[in-house]
Amino acid sequence: MRPTITDALRYLAPNTAFSTENNAIVAWDMSEVKSGMTQPTAAEIATEVTRLQALYDSQAYSRSRATAYAQLNQFEMQFDDAANSTTTWIDSIQAIKAEYPKP
């Protein structure tokens, strides 16, 4: 996912009316009475886009783990482990965590 100017503006100027097109601001709530926010500079927007991308990238392990966890039938694995005195569920969870470690 590549953050857009719209994503950055939602963080930089919450509750402000604006429109974007082709990754550029085409309309801004100029009244400032409504929002109290001045339009961010191109540098501020670029910095925010970079910050949002870094945040998204830092959570890649979490998204990967969630996908892997969803593929497990965890309740059945836990039941079978309890009935059979095995550790299949724990082993599966540990394998996923090892494959997708936290940074």
Protein backbone atom coordinates (compact mmCIF):
# COMPACT_ATOMS: atom_id res chain seq x y z
CA MET A 1 0.00 0.00 0.00
CA ARG A 2 1.35 3.36 -0.96
CA PRO A 3 -0.09 6.19 1.14
CA THR A 4 -1.61 8.99 -0.89
CA ILE A 5 -1.86 12.72 -0.43
CA THR A 6 -5.43 12.11 0.80
CA ASP A 7 -4.17 9.80 3.55
CA ALA A 8 -1.60 12.40 4.61
CA LEU A 9 -4.15 15.20 4.65
CA ARG A 10 -6.51 13.18 6.83
CA TYR A 11 -3.78 13.13 9.49
CA LEU A 12 -2.43 16.64 8.95
CA ALA A 13 -5.80 18.38 8.75
CA PRO A 14 -8.52 16.29 10.36
CA ASN A 15 -12.08 17.57 9.98
CA THR A 16 -11.05 19.81 7.09
CA ALA A 17 -12.88 19.78 3.78
CA PHE A 18 -10.58 19.17 0.83
CA SER A 19 -10.56 17.45 -2.54
CA THR A 20 -7.71 15.73 -4.31
CA GLU A 21 -7.28 14.57 -7.86
CA ASN A 22 -4.31 12.77 -9.38
CA ASN A 23 -2.52 13.00 -6.02
CA ALA A 24 -2.81 16.80 -5.86
CA ILE A 25 -5.01 19.16 -3.82
CA VAL A 26 -7.68 20.68 -6.04
CA ALA A 27 -9.88 22.25 -3.35
CA TRP A 28 -9.29 23.32 0.24
CA ASP A 29 -11.65 24.74 2.88
CA MET A 30 -10.33 28.26 2.57
CA SER A 31 -12.65 29.67 5.21
CA GLU A 32 -10.42 28.29 7.99
CA VAL A 33 -13.23 29.39 10.30
CA LYS A 34 -14.74 25.94 9.92
CA SER A 35 -11.55 23.95 10.39
CA GLY A 36 -8.95 26.36 11.65
CA MET A 37 -6.40 24.54 9.51
CA THR A 38 -4.23 26.15 6.88
CA GLN A 39 -3.31 24.12 3.86
CA PRO A 40 -0.16 22.04 4.52
CA THR A 41 2.89 22.70 2.40
CA ALA A 42 4.13 20.18 -0.15
CA ALA A 43 7.04 19.40 2.19
CA GLU A 44 4.70 18.72 5.12
CA ILE A 45 2.58 16.44 2.96
CA ALA A 46 5.63 14.58 1.64
CA THR A 47 6.93 14.10 5.19
CA GLU A 48 3.56 12.74 6.29
CA VAL A 49 3.34 10.36 3.33
CA THR A 50 6.82 9.06 4.22
CA ARG A 51 5.78 8.61 7.87
CA LEU A 52 2.62 6.74 6.90
CA GLN A 53 4.56 4.46 4.54
CA ALA A 54 7.10 3.66 7.27
CA LEU A 55 4.26 2.90 9.69
CA TYR A 56 2.59 0.60 7.15
CA ASP A 57 5.89 -1.15 6.35
CA SER A 58 6.66 -1.67 10.04
CA GLN A 59 3.45 -3.69 10.43
CA ALA A 60 4.15 -6.15 7.59
CA TYR A 61 4.94 -8.94 10.05
CA SER A 62 1.57 -8.42 11.74
CA ARG A 63 -0.37 -8.64 8.48
CA SER A 64 1.55 -11.76 7.49
CA ARG A 65 0.92 -13.39 10.86
CA ALA A 66 -2.79 -12.58 10.73
CA THR A 67 -3.07 -14.25 7.33
CA ALA A 68 -1.24 -17.35 8.54
CA TYR A 69 -3.26 -17.53 11.77
CA ALA A 70 -6.50 -17.30 9.78
CA GLN A 71 -5.52 -20.42 7.85
CA LEU A 72 -5.32 -22.48 11.04
CA ASN A 73 -8.36 -24.17 12.50
CA GLN A 74 -7.21 -23.16 15.97
CA PHE A 75 -10.19 -24.34 18.04
CA GLU A 76 -10.04 -27.79 16.50
CA MET A 77 -6.27 -27.91 16.98
CA GLN A 78 -6.66 -26.96 20.65
CA PHE A 79 -9.36 -29.58 21.16
CA ASP A 80 -7.29 -32.28 19.45
CA ASP A 81 -4.22 -31.30 21.50
CA ALA A 82 -6.21 -31.59 24.73
CA ALA A 83 -7.69 -34.94 23.69
CA ASN A 84 -4.41 -36.39 22.39
CA SER A 85 -1.91 -34.72 24.76
CA THR A 86 -0.12 -33.12 21.80
CA THR A 87 1.21 -29.62 21.15
CA THR A 88 0.24 -29.18 17.49
CA TRP A 89 -1.49 -25.84 18.04
CA ILE A 90 1.37 -24.34 20.09
CA ASP A 91 3.91 -25.64 17.58
CA SER A 92 1.97 -24.07 14.70
CA ILE A 93 1.74 -20.70 16.44
CA GLN A 94 5.45 -20.75 17.28
CA ALA A 95 6.30 -21.65 13.66
CA ILE A 96 4.27 -18.68 12.39
CA LYS A 97 5.93 -16.34 14.89
CA ALA A 98 9.36 -17.64 13.84
CA GLU A 99 8.55 -17.18 10.15
CA TYR A 100 7.23 -13.63 10.69
CA PRO A 101 9.22 -12.17 13.63
CA LYS A 102 8.58 -8.75 15.09
CA PRO A 103 11.15 -6.23 13.85
